[in-house]
Amino acid sequence: MTPAMTAEREIRLSFSTAGEVHDGLERAVDALINTAAADANCGILVTRHEPGTYTVALDESVPFGQTHEALAA
């Protein structure tokens, strides 16, 4: 897994095996929960860009306290 944090509101992740995905995404969501709670006006959006590449980010279109998933077009 290769994580990259950008501006404490987004984490980009790349995984080399499918077995790493679940735990890696869970850790990234956990890392943003405190920031989301302090902001209190957004939730967390997990976006799959391509196989093995994801972004976990705070997103104002997601209600506070929720995590949504999306596929990039």
PDB file of N, CA and C in Angstrom:
ATOM      1  N   MET A   1       0.850  -1.179   0.000  1.00  0.00           N
ATOM      2  CA  MET A   1       0.000   0.000   0.000  1.00  0.00           C
ATOM      3  C   MET A   1       0.891   1.236   0.000  1.00  0.00           C
ATOM      4  N   THR A   2       0.515   2.215  -0.793  1.00  0.00           N
ATOM      5  CA  THR A   2       1.232   3.479  -0.857  1.00  0.00           C
ATOM      6  C   THR A   2       0.256   4.612  -0.595  1.00  0.00           C
ATOM      7  N   PRO A   3       0.244   5.178   0.639  1.00  0.00           N
ATOM      8  CA  PRO A   3      -0.653   6.295   0.917  1.00  0.00           C
ATOM      9  C   PRO A   3       0.029   7.639   0.657  1.00  0.00           C
ATOM     10  N   ALA A   4      -0.776   8.645   0.318  1.00  0.00           N
ATOM     11  CA  ALA A   4      -0.283  10.011   0.157  1.00  0.00           C
ATOM     12  C   ALA A   4      -1.349  10.952   0.690  1.00  0.00           C
ATOM     13  N   MET A   5      -1.023  11.733   1.714  1.00  0.00           N
ATOM     14  CA  MET A   5      -1.968  12.664   2.321  1.00  0.00           C
ATOM     15  C   MET A   5      -1.805  14.019   1.663  1.00  0.00           C
ATOM     16  N   THR A   6      -2.930  14.642   1.298  1.00  0.00           N
ATOM     17  CA  THR A   6      -2.875  15.979   0.710  1.00  0.00           C
ATOM     18  C   THR A   6      -3.771  16.913   1.519  1.00  0.00           C
ATOM     19  N   ALA A   7      -3.183  17.901   2.139  1.00  0.00           N
ATOM     20  CA  ALA A   7      -3.882  18.963   2.867  1.00  0.00           C
ATOM     21  C   ALA A   7      -4.807  18.441   3.968  1.00  0.00           C
ATOM     22  N   GLU A   8      -4.524  17.272   4.521  1.00  0.00           N
ATOM     23  CA  GLU A   8      -5.274  16.691   5.631  1.00  0.00           C
ATOM     24  C   GLU A   8      -6.758  16.491   5.345  1.00  0.00           C
ATOM     25  N   ARG A   9      -7.178  16.639   4.113  1.00  0.00           N
ATOM     26  CA  ARG A   9      -8.583  16.429   3.748  1.00  0.00           C
ATOM     27  C   ARG A   9      -8.741  15.296   2.745  1.00  0.00           C
ATOM     28  N   GLU A  10      -7.633  14.762   2.260  1.00  0.00           N
ATOM     29  CA  GLU A  10      -7.684  13.721   1.237  1.00  0.00           C
ATOM     30  C   GLU A  10      -6.489  12.789   1.368  1.00  0.00           C
ATOM     31  N   ILE A  11      -6.760  11.494   1.215  1.00  0.00           N
ATOM     32  CA  ILE A  11      -5.692  10.500   1.225  1.00  0.00           C
ATOM     33  C   ILE A  11      -5.815   9.699  -0.066  1.00  0.00           C
ATOM     34  N   ARG A  12      -4.732   9.633  -0.824  1.00  0.00           N
ATOM     35  CA  ARG A  12      -4.703   8.825  -2.052  1.00  0.00           C
ATOM     36  C   ARG A  12      -3.972   7.534  -1.745  1.00  0.00           C
ATOM     37  N   LEU A  13      -4.551   6.426  -2.193  1.00  0.00           N
ATOM     38  CA  LEU A  13      -4.000   5.112  -1.874  1.00  0.00           C
ATOM     39  C   LEU A  13      -3.809   4.287  -3.133  1.00  0.00           C
ATOM     40  N   SER A  14      -2.713   3.544  -3.173  1.00  0.00           N
ATOM     41  CA  SER A  14      -2.464   2.580  -4.238  1.00  0.00           C
ATOM     42  C   SER A  14      -2.127   1.251  -3.574  1.00  0.00           C
ATOM     43  N   PHE A  15      -2.802   0.195  -4.025  1.00  0.00           N
ATOM     44  CA  PHE A  15      -2.600  -1.133  -3.454  1.00  0.00           C
ATOM     45  C   PHE A  15      -2.030  -2.058  -4.509  1.00  0.00           C
ATOM     46  N   SER A  16      -1.118  -2.935  -4.097  1.00  0.00           N
ATOM     47  CA  SER A  16      -0.529  -3.879  -5.043  1.00  0.00           C
ATOM     48  C   SER A  16      -1.255  -5.219  -5.037  1.00  0.00           C
ATOM     49  N   THR A  17      -2.017  -5.510  -3.962  1.00  0.00           N
ATOM     50  CA  THR A  17      -2.793  -6.753  -3.907  1.00  0.00           C
ATOM     51  C   THR A  17      -4.203  -6.459  -3.403  1.00  0.00           C
ATOM     52  N   ALA A  18      -5.144  -7.270  -3.836  1.00  0.00           N
ATOM     53  CA  ALA A  18      -6.542  -7.096  -3.410  1.00  0.00           C
ATOM     54  C   ALA A  18      -6.701  -7.290  -1.908  1.00  0.00           C
ATOM     55  N   GLY A  19      -5.857  -8.105  -1.311  1.00  0.00           N
ATOM     56  CA  GLY A  19      -5.928  -8.364   0.119  1.00  0.00           C
ATOM     57  C   GLY A  19      -5.629  -7.144   0.985  1.00  0.00           C
ATOM     58  N   GLU A  20      -4.973  -6.152   0.443  1.00  0.00           N
ATOM     59  CA  GLU A  20      -4.630  -4.936   1.197  1.00  0.00           C
ATOM     60  C   GLU A  20      -5.745  -3.901   1.203  1.00  0.00           C
ATOM     61  N   VAL A  21      -6.678  -3.989   0.275  1.00  0.00           N
ATOM     62  CA  VAL A  21      -7.643  -2.915   0.045  1.00  0.00           C
ATOM     63  C   VAL A  21      -8.520  -2.636   1.257  1.00  0.00           C
ATOM     64  N   HIS A  22      -9.194  -3.632   1.791  1.00  0.00           N
ATOM     65  CA  HIS A  22     -10.149  -3.407   2.884  1.00  0.00           C
ATOM     66  C   HIS A  22      -9.485  -2.736   4.081  1.00  0.00           C
ATOM     67  N   ASP A  23      -8.396  -3.314   4.576  1.00  0.00           N
ATOM     68  CA  ASP A  23      -7.724  -2.743   5.749  1.00  0.00           C
ATOM     69  C   ASP A  23      -7.158  -1.356   5.461  1.00  0.00           C
ATOM     70  N   GLY A  24      -6.613  -1.168   4.275  1.00  0.00           N
ATOM     71  CA  GLY A  24      -6.047   0.136   3.921  1.00  0.00           C
ATOM     72  C   GLY A  24      -7.104   1.224   3.859  1.00  0.00           C
ATOM     73  N   LEU A  25      -8.251   0.923   3.249  1.00  0.00           N
ATOM     74  CA  LEU A  25      -9.333   1.911   3.185  1.00  0.00           C
ATOM     75  C   LEU A  25      -9.893   2.196   4.569  1.00  0.00           C
ATOM     76  N   GLU A  26     -10.021   1.157   5.380  1.00  0.00           N
ATOM     77  CA  GLU A  26     -10.526   1.347   6.745  1.00  0.00           C
ATOM     78  C   GLU A  26      -9.610   2.269   7.549  1.00  0.00           C
ATOM     79  N   ARG A  27      -8.312   2.070   7.428  1.00  0.00           N
ATOM     80  CA  ARG A  27      -7.360   2.936   8.147  1.00  0.00           C
ATOM     81  C   ARG A  27      -7.427   4.373   7.639  1.00  0.00           C
ATOM     82  N   ALA A  28      -7.599   4.558   6.342  1.00  0.00           N
ATOM     83  CA  ALA A  28      -7.687   5.909   5.781  1.00  0.00           C
ATOM     84  C   ALA A  28      -8.953   6.619   6.267  1.00  0.00           C
ATOM     85  N   VAL A  29     -10.076   5.910   6.284  1.00  0.00           N
ATOM     86  CA  VAL A  29     -11.323   6.501   6.794  1.00  0.00           C
ATOM     87  C   VAL A  29     -11.140   6.870   8.261  1.00  0.00           C
ATOM     88  N   ASP A  30     -10.569   5.967   9.059  1.00  0.00           N
ATOM     89  CA  ASP A  30     -10.330   6.257  10.477  1.00  0.00           C
ATOM     90  C   ASP A  30      -9.453   7.498  10.655  1.00  0.00           C
ATOM     91  N   ALA A  31      -8.473   7.674   9.781  1.00  0.00           N
ATOM     92  CA  ALA A  31      -7.568   8.820   9.877  1.00  0.00           C
ATOM     93  C   ALA A  31      -8.294  10.141   9.625  1.00  0.00           C
ATOM     94  N   LEU A  32      -9.359  10.124   8.810  1.00  0.00           N
ATOM     95  CA  LEU A  32     -10.084  11.361   8.494  1.00  0.00           C
ATOM     96  C   LEU A  32     -11.272  11.632   9.408  1.00  0.00           C
ATOM     97  N   ILE A  33     -11.658  10.666  10.217  1.00  0.00           N
ATOM     98  CA  ILE A  33     -12.842  10.838  11.069  1.00  0.00           C
ATOM     99  C   ILE A  33     -12.688  12.028  12.016  1.00  0.00           C
ATOM    100  N   ASN A  34     -11.550  12.186  12.660  1.00  0.00           N
ATOM    101  CA  ASN A  34     -11.366  13.309  13.588  1.00  0.00           C
ATOM    102  C   ASN A  34     -11.439  14.654  12.879  1.00  0.00           C
ATOM    103  N   THR A  35     -10.874  14.731  11.681  1.00  0.00           N
ATOM    104  CA  THR A  35     -10.938  15.968  10.912  1.00  0.00           C
ATOM    105  C   THR A  35     -12.375  16.270  10.515  1.00  0.00           C
ATOM    106  N   ALA A  36     -13.117  15.238  10.116  1.00  0.00           N
ATOM    107  CA  ALA A  36     -14.527  15.416   9.753  1.00  0.00           C
ATOM    108  C   ALA A  36     -15.338  15.880  10.959  1.00  0.00           C
ATOM    109  N   ALA A  37     -15.053  15.329  12.129  1.00  0.00           N
ATOM    110  CA  ALA A  37     -15.777  15.713  13.347  1.00  0.00           C
ATOM    111  C   ALA A  37     -15.493  17.164  13.712  1.00  0.00           C
ATOM    112  N   ALA A  38     -14.265  17.608  13.528  1.00  0.00           N
ATOM    113  CA  ALA A  38     -13.919  18.997  13.830  1.00  0.00           C
ATOM    114  C   ALA A  38     -14.589  19.943  12.847  1.00  0.00           C
ATOM    115  N   ASP A  39     -14.713  19.524  11.598  1.00  0.00           N
ATOM    116  CA  ASP A  39     -15.334  20.329  10.556  1.00  0.00           C
ATOM    117  C   ASP A  39     -16.856  20.344  10.722  1.00  0.00           C
ATOM    118  N   ALA A  40     -17.424  19.182  11.008  1.00  0.00           N
ATOM    119  CA  ALA A  40     -18.854  18.985  11.287  1.00  0.00           C
ATOM    120  C   ALA A  40     -19.796  19.444  10.176  1.00  0.00           C
ATOM    121  N   ASN A  41     -19.298  19.585   8.956  1.00  0.00           N
ATOM    122  CA  ASN A  41     -20.200  19.939   7.857  1.00  0.00           C
ATOM    123  C   ASN A  41     -19.967  19.060   6.630  1.00  0.00           C
ATOM    124  N   CYS A  42     -19.273  17.922   6.838  1.00  0.00           N
ATOM    125  CA  CYS A  42     -19.032  17.034   5.707  1.00  0.00           C
ATOM    126  C   CYS A  42     -18.860  15.609   6.189  1.00  0.00           C
ATOM    127  N   GLY A  43     -18.992  14.702   5.239  1.00  0.00           N
ATOM    128  CA  GLY A  43     -18.741  13.296   5.498  1.00  0.00           C
ATOM    129  C   GLY A  43     -17.508  12.863   4.728  1.00  0.00           C
ATOM    130  N   ILE A  44     -17.389  11.557   4.518  1.00  0.00           N
ATOM    131  CA  ILE A  44     -16.212  10.999   3.863  1.00  0.00           C
ATOM    132  C   ILE A  44     -16.637  10.280   2.586  1.00  0.00           C
ATOM    133  N   LEU A  45     -15.932  10.553   1.500  1.00  0.00           N
ATOM    134  CA  LEU A  45     -16.197   9.922   0.215  1.00  0.00           C
ATOM    135  C   LEU A  45     -14.996   9.065  -0.176  1.00  0.00           C
ATOM    136  N   VAL A  46     -15.264   7.770  -0.433  1.00  0.00           N
ATOM    137  CA  VAL A  46     -14.235   6.842  -0.895  1.00  0.00           C
ATOM    138  C   VAL A  46     -14.475   6.628  -2.388  1.00  0.00           C
ATOM    139  N   THR A  47     -13.490   6.981  -3.212  1.00  0.00           N
ATOM    140  CA  THR A  47     -13.633   6.880  -4.657  1.00  0.00           C
ATOM    141  C   THR A  47     -12.609   5.901  -5.218  1.00  0.00           C
ATOM    142  N   ARG A  48     -13.102   4.955  -6.020  1.00  0.00           N
ATOM    143  CA  ARG A  48     -12.216   4.026  -6.724  1.00  0.00           C
ATOM    144  C   ARG A  48     -11.963   4.602  -8.110  1.00  0.00           C
ATOM    145  N   HIS A  49     -10.701   4.905  -8.401  1.00  0.00           N
ATOM    146  CA  HIS A  49     -10.335   5.506  -9.680  1.00  0.00           C
ATOM    147  C   HIS A  49     -10.034   4.451 -10.731  1.00  0.00           C
ATOM    148  N   GLU A  50      -9.397   3.386 -10.315  1.00  0.00           N
ATOM    149  CA  GLU A  50      -9.088   2.239 -11.162  1.00  0.00           C
ATOM    150  C   GLU A  50      -8.720   1.112 -10.209  1.00  0.00           C
ATOM    151  N   PRO A  51      -8.599  -0.108 -10.694  1.00  0.00           N
ATOM    152  CA  PRO A  51      -8.257  -1.197  -9.776  1.00  0.00           C
ATOM    153  C   PRO A  51      -6.994  -0.876  -8.968  1.00  0.00           C
ATOM    154  N   GLY A  52      -7.132  -0.913  -7.664  1.00  0.00           N
ATOM    155  CA  GLY A  52      -5.998  -0.683  -6.777  1.00  0.00           C
ATOM    156  C   GLY A  52      -5.704   0.761  -6.446  1.00  0.00           C
ATOM    157  N   THR A  53      -6.446   1.714  -7.006  1.00  0.00           N
ATOM    158  CA  THR A  53      -6.192   3.130  -6.755  1.00  0.00           C
ATOM    159  C   THR A  53      -7.463   3.800  -6.239  1.00  0.00           C
ATOM    160  N   TYR A  54      -7.357   4.400  -5.053  1.00  0.00           N
ATOM    161  CA  TYR A  54      -8.503   4.996  -4.373  1.00  0.00           C
ATOM    162  C   TYR A  54      -8.147   6.362  -3.800  1.00  0.00           C
ATOM    163  N   THR A  55      -9.187   7.160  -3.559  1.00  0.00           N
ATOM    164  CA  THR A  55      -9.069   8.403  -2.819  1.00  0.00           C
ATOM    165  C   THR A  55     -10.088   8.356  -1.694  1.00  0.00           C
ATOM    166  N   VAL A  56      -9.651   8.702  -0.492  1.00  0.00           N
ATOM    167  CA  VAL A  56     -10.539   8.841   0.659  1.00  0.00           C
ATOM    168  C   VAL A  56     -10.464  10.314   1.047  1.00  0.00           C
ATOM    169  N   ALA A  57     -11.608  11.013   0.979  1.00  0.00           N
ATOM    170  CA  ALA A  57     -11.574  12.467   1.159  1.00  0.00           C
ATOM    171  C   ALA A  57     -12.791  12.976   1.918  1.00  0.00           C
ATOM    172  N   LEU A  58     -12.605  14.094   2.605  1.00  0.00           N
ATOM    173  CA  LEU A  58     -13.730  14.803   3.186  1.00  0.00           C
ATOM    174  C   LEU A  58     -14.490  15.449   2.036  1.00  0.00           C
ATOM    175  N   ASP A  59     -15.817  15.359   2.078  1.00  0.00           N
ATOM    176  CA  ASP A  59     -16.615  15.858   0.963  1.00  0.00           C
ATOM    177  C   ASP A  59     -17.917  16.451   1.491  1.00  0.00           C
ATOM    178  N   GLU A  60     -18.178  17.715   1.159  1.00  0.00           N
ATOM    179  CA  GLU A  60     -19.370  18.402   1.650  1.00  0.00           C
ATOM    180  C   GLU A  60     -20.666  17.869   1.052  1.00  0.00           C
ATOM    181  N   SER A  61     -20.593  17.092  -0.043  1.00  0.00           N
ATOM    182  CA  SER A  61     -21.803  16.495  -0.613  1.00  0.00           C
ATOM    183  C   SER A  61     -22.244  15.260   0.171  1.00  0.00           C
ATOM    184  N   VAL A  62     -21.389  14.770   1.058  1.00  0.00           N
ATOM    185  CA  VAL A  62     -21.715  13.619   1.907  1.00  0.00           C
ATOM    186  C   VAL A  62     -22.138  14.156   3.273  1.00  0.00           C
ATOM    187  N   PRO A  63     -23.307  13.743   3.770  1.00  0.00           N
ATOM    188  CA  PRO A  63     -23.766  14.228   5.075  1.00  0.00           C
ATOM    189  C   PRO A  63     -22.783  13.882   6.193  1.00  0.00           C
ATOM    190  N   PHE A  64     -22.681  14.788   7.157  1.00  0.00           N
ATOM    191  CA  PHE A  64     -21.817  14.585   8.310  1.00  0.00           C
ATOM    192  C   PHE A  64     -22.156  13.252   8.987  1.00  0.00           C
ATOM    193  N   GLY A  65     -21.130  12.492   9.333  1.00  0.00           N
ATOM    194  CA  GLY A  65     -21.322  11.220  10.010  1.00  0.00           C
ATOM    195  C   GLY A  65     -21.494  10.034   9.082  1.00  0.00           C
ATOM    196  N   GLN A  66     -21.453  10.276   7.772  1.00  0.00           N
ATOM    197  CA  GLN A  66     -21.626   9.190   6.810  1.00  0.00           C
ATOM    198  C   GLN A  66     -20.392   9.027   5.931  1.00  0.00           C
ATOM    199  N   THR A  67     -20.240   7.809   5.406  1.00  0.00           N
ATOM    200  CA  THR A  67     -19.198   7.509   4.439  1.00  0.00           C
ATOM    201  C   THR A  67     -19.875   6.942   3.202  1.00  0.00           C
ATOM    202  N   HIS A  68     -19.603   7.531   2.048  1.00  0.00           N
ATOM    203  CA  HIS A  68     -20.178   7.060   0.784  1.00  0.00           C
ATOM    204  C   HIS A  68     -19.070   6.534  -0.120  1.00  0.00           C
ATOM    205  N   GLU A  69     -19.465   5.694  -1.059  1.00  0.00           N
ATOM    206  CA  GLU A  69     -18.525   5.151  -2.031  1.00  0.00           C
ATOM    207  C   GLU A  69     -18.893   5.605  -3.429  1.00  0.00           C
ATOM    208  N   ALA A  70     -17.880   5.774  -4.284  1.00  0.00           N
ATOM    209  CA  ALA A  70     -18.131   6.187  -5.669  1.00  0.00           C
ATOM    210  C   ALA A  70     -17.106   5.543  -6.589  1.00  0.00           C
ATOM    211  N   LEU A  71     -17.485   5.391  -7.845  1.00  0.00           N
ATOM    212  CA  LEU A  71     -16.567   4.961  -8.891  1.00  0.00           C
ATOM    213  C   LEU A  71     -16.295   6.143  -9.802  1.00  0.00           C
ATOM    214  N   ALA A  72     -15.021   6.431 -10.058  1.00  0.00           N
ATOM    215  CA  ALA A  72     -14.683   7.511 -10.982  1.00  0.00           C
ATOM    216  C   ALA A  72     -15.068   7.094 -12.389  1.00  0.00           C
ATOM    217  N   ALA A  73     -15.522   8.047 -13.173  1.00  0.00           N
ATOM    218  CA  ALA A  73     -15.951   7.726 -14.543  1.00  0.00           C
ATOM    219  C   ALA A  73     -14.786   7.465 -15.459  1.00  0.00           C
TER     220      ALA A  73
END
